[in-house]
Amino acid sequence: MSLDAPSPHGSTRRRPTWLLGILPLLLIVVTLGGFLALDGPGLGDRNGPPVEEISVERTTLKPGLIDLQVRNDGPDAVTIAQAQVNDAFVQFSGGERPIPRLGVETLRIHQPWIEGEAYEIALMTSTGATILHPIDVAVETPGEDVSFLGLMALLGIYVGVIPVALGMLWLPWLRRVPASRIRFLMALTIGLLAFLAIDATLEGLALAQQGSQAFGGSALVWTGALVAFLLLSGISAFMADRERRARAAGAGGGTLALLIAVGIGLHNLGEGIAIGSAYATGALALGAFLVFGFALHNTTEGLAIVAPLADRRPRLARLASLGLIAGAPAILGAWIGSAAFNANLAAFLFGFGAGAVVQVIAQLLPTIRDDQERTLHPAAVAGLLTGLGIMFATGLLVSG
């Protein structure tokens, strides 16, 4: 019988649209409810030992103490029975009760440690499984007080805000560049951004391996990239109308510059997270040379922002806002990385930054086409390779 069967009086009785949409959902709920009420018929008890997987999400070192924040990645509850440091059994507190799936517990290991030494911690479960966690260099974790957060903010300004602002000083020079060379400079901008996208993706994949695999592992990076690409595409489409109206009024060019600043800002957010977390664990040598390397590496990002504005005369306030959008996220990232670092969140954010940069590249590609509608003409290829080369060369200073 049709849902829209005619009535005895000849009229058609139509069911409400919402009822037609919710009916399949109700049937699914009833089916699953019956399955659970019958205690999962056919599944039976699982054979074999329980599956125990533990990931260490954060390590905090204080005098005489090592705190480990652990998460249960496996499907079964886990009980930590014993702990070893460099093959010696040690006392610990926390984890007395079973840790449920995806549950988080902080284990406090009572163990004197020596700064600069390497340690290997072994956590043994009640079934005898062993989870190893290395500490490459033992350094006391800084306290999360106002002075420490101020230091992280200062570091974010040095490696994010100031370099981008300095790079934007190329705008007067860009205005004097012949129009025939603008395609080369836009291609160079794409090369700079392509390096950032690759770098963010690789950083995210590395962090995903350190985090809880129950949340998806490397899939977090690709999910973050897809979300950012779609989100920024929607924003770009929304702003396209405003850009057309602005061009009709004699302005314009700001939308593309804003999208570039947003993409770079998201990348610098991930970079700040990496810097802050490394500083908190003592893995980053904060020497003047390293800060100089970061600054030089990020200065080219300012050039990428102002390249679409070469034929415009934006107000100083507009330029300042673009610089802050691109550089200030490094401060927020440094705070997150040093005070509340989470490898899963960091992996997602690195992927998010990479996806945003890729979307910006898609917006820039039409600007480098020549008169024959070719994208990879000689000038464009030269610009792309130059941009990649600049970022690779300055990146050596950061890793050196």
Protein backbone atom coordinates (compact mmCIF):
# COMPACT_ATOMS: atom_id res chain seq x y z
CA MET A 1 0.00 0.00 0.00
CA SER A 2 1.42 3.40 -0.90
CA LEU A 3 2.22 5.91 1.81
CA ASP A 4 0.32 8.45 -0.24
CA ALA A 5 -2.78 6.22 -0.83
CA PRO A 6 -5.97 8.00 -1.86
CA SER A 7 -8.69 8.32 0.77
CA PRO A 8 -12.23 6.94 0.30
CA HIS A 9 -13.37 10.46 -0.57
CA GLY A 10 -10.88 10.70 -3.43
CA SER A 11 -8.31 12.96 -1.78
CA THR A 12 -4.70 11.99 -1.20
CA ARG A 13 -3.56 11.69 2.40
CA ARG A 14 0.07 12.80 2.50
CA ARG A 15 2.27 11.82 5.41
CA PRO A 16 4.26 14.68 7.01
CA THR A 17 7.71 15.08 5.46
CA TRP A 18 9.45 14.89 8.84
CA LEU A 19 7.77 11.55 9.55
CA LEU A 20 9.05 10.05 6.30
CA GLY A 21 12.56 11.24 7.20
CA ILE A 22 12.59 9.99 10.79
CA LEU A 23 10.94 6.60 10.19
CA PRO A 24 14.14 4.79 9.04
CA LEU A 25 15.99 6.20 12.06
CA LEU A 26 13.35 4.91 14.44
CA LEU A 27 13.53 1.46 12.87
CA ILE A 28 17.32 1.43 13.28
CA VAL A 29 17.01 2.39 16.95
CA VAL A 30 14.44 -0.34 17.57
CA THR A 31 16.62 -2.95 15.83
CA LEU A 32 19.75 -2.04 17.78
CA GLY A 33 17.76 -1.86 21.01
CA GLY A 34 16.49 -5.37 20.48
CA PHE A 35 20.02 -6.60 19.74
CA LEU A 36 21.30 -5.11 22.99
CA ALA A 37 18.31 -6.38 24.98
CA LEU A 38 19.13 -9.90 23.84
CA ASP A 39 22.77 -9.41 24.98
CA GLY A 40 24.28 -9.57 21.51
CA PRO A 41 23.16 -13.01 20.33
CA GLY A 42 25.78 -14.89 18.37
CA LEU A 43 28.76 -12.92 19.64
CA GLY A 44 29.54 -15.06 22.68
CA ASP A 45 32.61 -14.60 24.83
CA ARG A 46 35.83 -13.57 23.13
CA ASN A 47 38.61 -16.14 23.15
CA GLY A 48 42.18 -15.29 24.04
CA PRO A 49 43.77 -12.73 26.36
CA PRO A 50 42.51 -9.12 26.55
CA VAL A 51 43.92 -6.57 24.12
CA GLU A 52 45.91 -3.98 26.11
CA GLU A 53 47.27 -0.85 24.47
CA ILE A 54 48.51 2.18 26.39
CA SER A 55 49.85 5.45 24.96
CA VAL A 56 51.78 8.05 26.97
CA GLU A 57 50.41 11.48 26.05
CA ARG A 58 52.42 13.74 28.33
CA THR A 59 55.52 13.48 30.51
CA THR A 60 56.14 15.89 33.39
CA LEU A 61 59.39 15.88 35.35
CA LYS A 62 59.73 17.37 38.82
CA PRO A 63 62.51 16.79 41.39
CA GLY A 64 62.23 13.14 42.42
CA LEU A 65 59.04 12.60 40.41
CA ILE A 66 58.06 11.54 36.90
CA ASP A 67 54.39 12.00 35.99
CA LEU A 68 53.00 10.15 32.98
CA GLN A 69 49.59 10.92 31.52
CA VAL A 70 48.49 7.68 29.87
CA ARG A 71 45.45 6.78 27.78
CA ASN A 72 43.95 3.36 27.18
CA ASP A 73 43.89 2.86 23.39
CA GLY A 74 42.68 -0.74 23.49
CA PRO A 75 39.16 -2.18 23.61
CA ASP A 76 39.60 -3.68 27.10
CA ALA A 77 40.17 -2.09 30.50
CA VAL A 78 43.82 -1.99 31.60
CA THR A 79 45.30 -2.13 35.08
CA ILE A 80 48.88 -0.94 35.63
CA ALA A 81 50.46 -3.38 38.07
CA GLN A 82 54.17 -2.46 38.10
CA ALA A 83 56.57 0.17 36.81
CA GLN A 84 60.29 0.06 36.03
CA VAL A 85 62.81 2.81 35.36
CA ASN A 86 65.96 1.58 33.60
CA ASP A 87 65.08 -2.04 34.52
CA ALA A 88 64.66 -1.25 38.24
CA PHE A 89 61.24 -1.58 39.89
CA VAL A 90 59.98 1.69 41.36
CA GLN A 91 57.04 2.85 43.45
CA PHE A 92 54.20 4.71 41.76
CA SER A 93 50.73 6.00 42.53
CA GLY A 94 47.68 6.34 40.32
CA GLY A 95 46.10 3.71 38.12
CA GLU A 96 44.96 1.60 41.07
CA ARG A 97 41.66 0.93 39.32
CA PRO A 98 41.24 -0.38 35.76
CA ILE A 99 41.51 2.31 33.08
CA PRO A 100 38.49 2.03 30.73
CA ARG A 101 38.71 2.35 26.96
CA LEU A 102 39.91 5.85 26.01
CA GLY A 103 40.22 6.62 29.72
CA VAL A 104 43.04 8.86 30.95
CA GLU A 105 45.09 8.34 34.11
CA THR A 106 48.10 10.11 35.59
CA LEU A 107 50.81 7.83 37.00
CA ARG A 108 53.21 9.41 39.49
CA ILE A 109 56.51 7.55 39.57
CA HIS A 110 58.70 8.21 42.59
CA GLN A 111 62.16 8.16 41.08
CA PRO A 112 65.14 10.53 41.54
CA TRP A 113 66.48 11.51 38.13
CA ILE A 114 69.55 13.37 36.90
CA GLU A 115 69.23 16.24 34.45
CA GLY A 116 70.52 15.39 31.00
CA GLU A 117 70.36 11.62 31.55
CA ALA A 118 68.26 9.26 29.41
CA TYR A 119 65.65 7.00 30.96
CA GLU A 120 63.42 4.17 29.78
CA ILE A 121 60.18 3.56 31.64
CA ALA A 122 58.40 0.21 31.44
CA LEU A 123 54.77 -0.09 32.53
CA MET A 124 53.55 -3.63 33.18
CA THR A 125 49.86 -4.48 33.16
CA SER A 126 48.11 -7.03 35.35
CA THR A 127 48.29 -9.57 32.50
CA GLY A 128 52.05 -9.14 32.01
CA ALA A 129 52.02 -6.91 28.95
CA THR A 130 54.77 -4.26 28.85
CA ILE A 131 54.54 -0.73 27.50
CA LEU A 132 57.86 1.10 26.98
CA HIS A 133 58.27 4.87 27.11
CA PRO A 134 61.68 6.53 26.59
CA ILE A 135 62.82 9.88 27.97
CA ASP A 136 65.70 10.90 25.75
CA VAL A 137 66.89 13.84 27.87
CA ALA A 138 65.58 14.44 31.38
CA VAL A 139 64.85 18.14 32.00
CA GLU A 140 62.60 19.61 34.66
CA THR A 141 59.27 20.69 33.19
CA PRO A 142 58.82 24.47 33.58
CA GLY A 143 56.03 25.68 35.84
CA GLU A 144 52.96 27.02 34.06
CA ASP A 145 53.02 30.45 35.73
CA VAL A 146 52.58 33.94 34.35
CA SER A 147 56.28 34.43 33.67
CA PHE A 148 56.48 31.20 31.69
CA LEU A 149 53.43 32.10 29.59
CA GLY A 150 54.99 35.52 29.03
CA LEU A 151 58.16 33.85 27.79
CA MET A 152 56.12 31.71 25.39
CA ALA A 153 54.34 34.83 24.12
CA LEU A 154 57.67 36.56 23.56
CA LEU A 155 58.97 33.54 21.68
CA GLY A 156 55.83 33.49 19.51
CA ILE A 157 56.33 37.18 18.71
CA TYR A 158 59.97 36.58 17.75
CA VAL A 159 59.30 33.64 15.44
CA GLY A 160 55.84 34.63 14.16
CA VAL A 161 54.76 38.27 14.36
CA ILE A 162 58.06 40.07 13.78
CA PRO A 163 59.27 37.94 10.81
CA VAL A 164 55.93 38.26 8.99
CA ALA A 165 55.90 42.04 9.57
CA LEU A 166 59.44 42.34 8.22
CA GLY A 167 58.54 40.31 5.16
CA MET A 168 55.62 42.62 4.42
CA LEU A 169 58.11 45.49 4.04
CA TRP A 170 58.76 44.16 0.52
CA LEU A 171 55.47 45.75 -0.59
CA PRO A 172 57.06 49.04 -1.85
CA TRP A 173 59.57 47.02 -3.86
CA LEU A 174 56.79 44.88 -5.34
CA ARG A 175 55.01 48.01 -6.60
CA ARG A 176 58.05 48.86 -8.73
CA VAL A 177 58.40 45.40 -10.25
CA PRO A 178 57.30 45.31 -13.90
CA ALA A 179 53.94 43.66 -14.49
CA SER A 180 55.62 40.98 -16.63
CA ARG A 181 57.42 39.71 -13.54
CA ILE A 182 54.36 39.56 -11.29
CA ARG A 183 53.57 36.04 -12.49
CA PHE A 184 57.04 34.95 -11.40
CA LEU A 185 56.49 36.46 -7.94
CA MET A 186 53.05 34.87 -7.59
CA ALA A 187 54.56 31.52 -8.57
CA LEU A 188 57.28 32.11 -5.99
CA THR A 189 54.51 32.69 -3.44
CA ILE A 190 52.94 29.37 -4.39
CA GLY A 191 56.32 27.67 -3.96
CA LEU A 192 56.64 29.15 -0.46
CA LEU A 193 53.17 27.96 0.49
CA ALA A 194 53.68 24.50 -1.03
CA PHE A 195 56.70 23.99 1.19
CA LEU A 196 54.64 25.02 4.22
CA ALA A 197 51.91 22.52 3.30
CA ILE A 198 54.41 19.67 2.92
CA ASP A 199 56.19 20.62 6.14
CA ALA A 200 52.94 20.80 8.13
CA THR A 201 51.77 17.44 6.79
CA LEU A 202 55.02 15.69 7.69
CA GLU A 203 55.02 17.25 11.18
CA GLY A 204 51.43 16.19 11.68
CA LEU A 205 52.06 12.60 10.59
CA ALA A 206 55.01 12.35 12.98
CA LEU A 207 52.90 13.65 15.87
CA ALA A 208 50.05 11.30 14.97
CA GLN A 209 52.34 8.34 15.59
CA GLN A 210 53.06 9.64 19.10
CA GLY A 211 49.41 10.12 20.03
CA SER A 212 46.55 7.78 20.79
CA GLN A 213 45.88 5.55 17.78
CA ALA A 214 42.30 5.02 18.96
CA PHE A 215 41.51 8.52 17.68
CA GLY A 216 42.60 7.67 14.16
CA GLY A 217 46.36 8.21 14.10
CA SER A 218 47.44 9.63 10.77
CA ALA A 219 43.77 9.93 9.74
CA LEU A 220 43.59 12.94 12.08
CA VAL A 221 46.03 14.81 9.82
CA TRP A 222 44.11 14.06 6.61
CA THR A 223 40.78 14.80 8.30
CA GLY A 224 42.09 18.14 9.53
CA ALA A 225 43.36 18.96 6.05
CA LEU A 226 40.02 18.10 4.44
CA VAL A 227 38.03 20.09 7.01
CA ALA A 228 40.25 23.15 6.51
CA PHE A 229 40.12 22.89 2.72
CA LEU A 230 36.32 22.69 2.67
CA LEU A 231 35.89 25.37 5.33
CA LEU A 232 38.22 27.82 3.62
CA SER A 233 36.60 27.05 0.25
CA GLY A 234 33.24 28.04 1.71
CA ILE A 235 34.68 31.21 3.19
CA SER A 236 36.36 32.02 -0.13
CA ALA A 237 33.10 31.62 -2.03
CA PHE A 238 31.32 33.84 0.50
CA MET A 239 33.96 36.54 0.16
CA ALA A 240 34.02 36.38 -3.64
CA ASP A 241 30.93 38.59 -3.92
CA ARG A 242 32.46 41.17 -1.61
CA GLU A 243 35.64 41.12 -3.67
CA ARG A 244 33.73 41.75 -6.89
CA ARG A 245 31.88 44.65 -5.32
CA ALA A 246 35.15 46.05 -3.99
CA ARG A 247 36.76 45.85 -7.43
CA ALA A 248 33.79 47.62 -8.93
CA ALA A 249 34.40 50.41 -6.43
CA GLY A 250 38.08 50.61 -7.33
CA ALA A 251 39.39 48.51 -4.45
CA GLY A 252 39.97 44.76 -4.21
CA GLY A 253 42.89 42.37 -3.92
CA GLY A 254 42.38 42.10 -0.18
CA THR A 255 40.45 38.82 -0.22
CA LEU A 256 43.32 36.80 -1.66
CA ALA A 257 45.78 38.45 0.73
CA LEU A 258 43.45 37.64 3.65
CA LEU A 259 43.16 34.00 2.62
CA ILE A 260 46.94 33.73 2.39
CA ALA A 261 47.28 35.31 5.85
CA VAL A 262 44.75 32.84 7.28
CA GLY A 263 46.53 29.86 5.75
CA ILE A 264 49.91 31.03 7.02
CA GLY A 265 48.42 31.78 10.43
CA LEU A 266 47.10 28.23 10.76
CA HIS A 267 50.51 26.90 9.80
CA ASN A 268 52.18 29.13 12.40
CA LEU A 269 49.70 27.86 15.00
CA GLY A 270 51.03 24.36 14.46
CA GLU A 271 54.59 25.63 14.44
CA GLY A 272 54.01 27.41 17.75
CA ILE A 273 52.63 24.19 19.26
CA ALA A 274 55.78 22.34 18.22
CA ILE A 275 58.02 25.07 19.67
CA GLY A 276 56.12 25.30 22.96
CA SER A 277 56.01 21.55 23.56
CA ALA A 278 59.69 21.16 22.70
CA TYR A 279 60.62 23.97 25.07
CA ALA A 280 58.54 22.50 27.90
CA THR A 281 60.36 19.17 27.58
CA GLY A 282 63.81 20.70 27.17
CA ALA A 283 64.20 19.33 23.64
CA LEU A 284 64.65 22.73 22.01
CA ALA A 285 67.88 24.62 22.45
CA LEU A 286 66.71 28.22 22.60
CA GLY A 287 69.87 29.78 21.27
CA ALA A 288 70.06 33.07 19.41
CA PHE A 289 71.02 31.21 16.22
CA LEU A 290 67.90 29.04 16.32
CA VAL A 291 65.60 32.01 16.90
CA PHE A 292 67.35 33.76 14.01
CA GLY A 293 66.73 30.70 11.85
CA PHE A 294 63.01 30.67 12.61
CA ALA A 295 62.77 34.40 11.97
CA LEU A 296 64.50 34.20 8.58
CA HIS A 297 62.44 31.17 7.61
CA ASN A 298 59.16 32.96 8.39
CA THR A 299 60.09 36.32 6.89
CA THR A 300 59.27 34.97 3.44
CA GLU A 301 55.68 34.47 4.60
CA GLY A 302 55.25 38.24 4.71
CA LEU A 303 56.22 38.41 1.04
CA ALA A 304 53.52 35.86 0.24
CA ILE A 305 50.88 38.03 1.94
CA VAL A 306 51.67 41.30 0.18
CA ALA A 307 52.26 39.84 -3.29
CA PRO A 308 48.54 40.13 -4.27
CA LEU A 309 48.56 43.75 -3.05
CA ALA A 310 51.36 44.94 -5.35
CA ASP A 311 48.94 46.99 -7.48
CA ARG A 312 46.99 48.38 -4.51
CA ARG A 313 47.63 50.86 -1.73
CA PRO A 314 46.08 49.29 1.37
CA ARG A 315 45.90 51.25 4.59
CA LEU A 316 48.48 50.65 7.28
CA ALA A 317 45.80 49.28 9.62
CA ARG A 318 44.87 46.73 6.95
CA LEU A 319 48.47 45.58 6.59
CA ALA A 320 48.86 45.37 10.37
CA SER A 321 45.74 43.20 10.68
CA LEU A 322 47.00 40.84 7.95
CA GLY A 323 50.35 40.55 9.73
CA LEU A 324 48.69 39.71 13.04
CA ILE A 325 46.39 37.12 11.42
CA ALA A 326 49.43 35.37 9.97
CA GLY A 327 51.91 35.75 12.85
CA ALA A 328 49.98 35.96 16.13
CA PRO A 329 48.75 32.32 16.06
CA ALA A 330 52.35 31.33 16.84
CA ILE A 331 51.82 32.83 20.31
CA LEU A 332 48.65 30.81 20.91
CA GLY A 333 50.39 27.71 19.60
CA ALA A 334 53.33 28.20 21.97
CA TRP A 335 50.92 28.47 24.92
CA ILE A 336 49.05 25.32 23.89
CA GLY A 337 52.25 23.39 23.25
CA SER A 338 53.89 24.31 26.54
CA ALA A 339 50.90 24.12 28.89
CA ALA A 340 48.40 21.66 27.41
CA PHE A 341 50.16 19.71 24.66
CA ASN A 342 48.22 16.82 23.16
CA ALA A 343 49.71 14.90 20.25
CA ASN A 344 46.29 14.10 18.77
CA LEU A 345 45.15 17.73 18.81
CA ALA A 346 48.50 18.89 17.45
CA ALA A 347 48.33 16.37 14.59
CA PHE A 348 44.84 17.57 13.68
CA LEU A 349 45.91 21.23 13.78
CA PHE A 350 48.97 20.58 11.60
CA GLY A 351 46.70 18.86 9.09
CA PHE A 352 44.23 21.74 9.37
CA GLY A 353 47.01 24.20 8.56
CA ALA A 354 48.19 22.13 5.61
CA GLY A 355 44.66 21.93 4.17
CA ALA A 356 44.21 25.67 4.51
CA VAL A 357 47.48 26.34 2.69
CA VAL A 358 46.52 23.95 -0.13
CA GLN A 359 43.21 25.78 -0.57
CA VAL A 360 45.07 29.09 -0.79
CA ILE A 361 47.36 27.58 -3.45
CA ALA A 362 44.26 26.61 -5.44
CA GLN A 363 43.15 30.25 -5.29
CA LEU A 364 46.55 31.48 -6.45
CA LEU A 365 47.06 29.16 -9.43
CA PRO A 366 44.94 31.18 -11.90
CA THR A 367 47.11 34.26 -11.22
CA ILE A 368 50.22 32.68 -12.77
CA ARG A 369 48.70 31.68 -16.11
CA ASP A 370 50.30 33.32 -19.11
CA ASP A 371 48.64 34.72 -22.24
CA GLN A 372 48.31 31.19 -23.64
CA GLU A 373 46.49 30.00 -20.48
CA ARG A 374 49.46 27.83 -19.46
CA THR A 375 50.03 27.33 -15.74
CA LEU A 376 53.48 25.72 -15.86
CA HIS A 377 55.19 28.10 -18.27
CA PRO A 378 58.94 28.82 -17.80
CA ALA A 379 58.50 31.87 -15.55
CA ALA A 380 56.02 30.03 -13.33
CA VAL A 381 58.24 26.97 -13.01
CA ALA A 382 61.20 29.18 -12.13
CA GLY A 383 59.12 30.94 -9.49
CA LEU A 384 57.87 27.68 -7.97
CA LEU A 385 61.35 26.22 -7.74
CA THR A 386 62.74 29.45 -6.32
CA GLY A 387 60.05 29.52 -3.61
CA LEU A 388 60.68 25.90 -2.66
CA GLY A 389 64.44 26.53 -2.64
CA ILE A 390 64.16 29.58 -0.39
CA MET A 391 62.01 27.77 2.16
CA PHE A 392 64.26 24.71 2.11
CA ALA A 393 67.40 26.79 2.56
CA THR A 394 65.98 28.85 5.44
CA GLY A 395 64.51 25.68 6.94
CA LEU A 396 68.04 24.29 7.28
CA LEU A 397 68.77 27.07 9.78
CA VAL A 398 65.89 25.92 11.96
CA SER A 399 66.97 22.27 11.98
CA GLY A 400 70.65 23.02 12.09
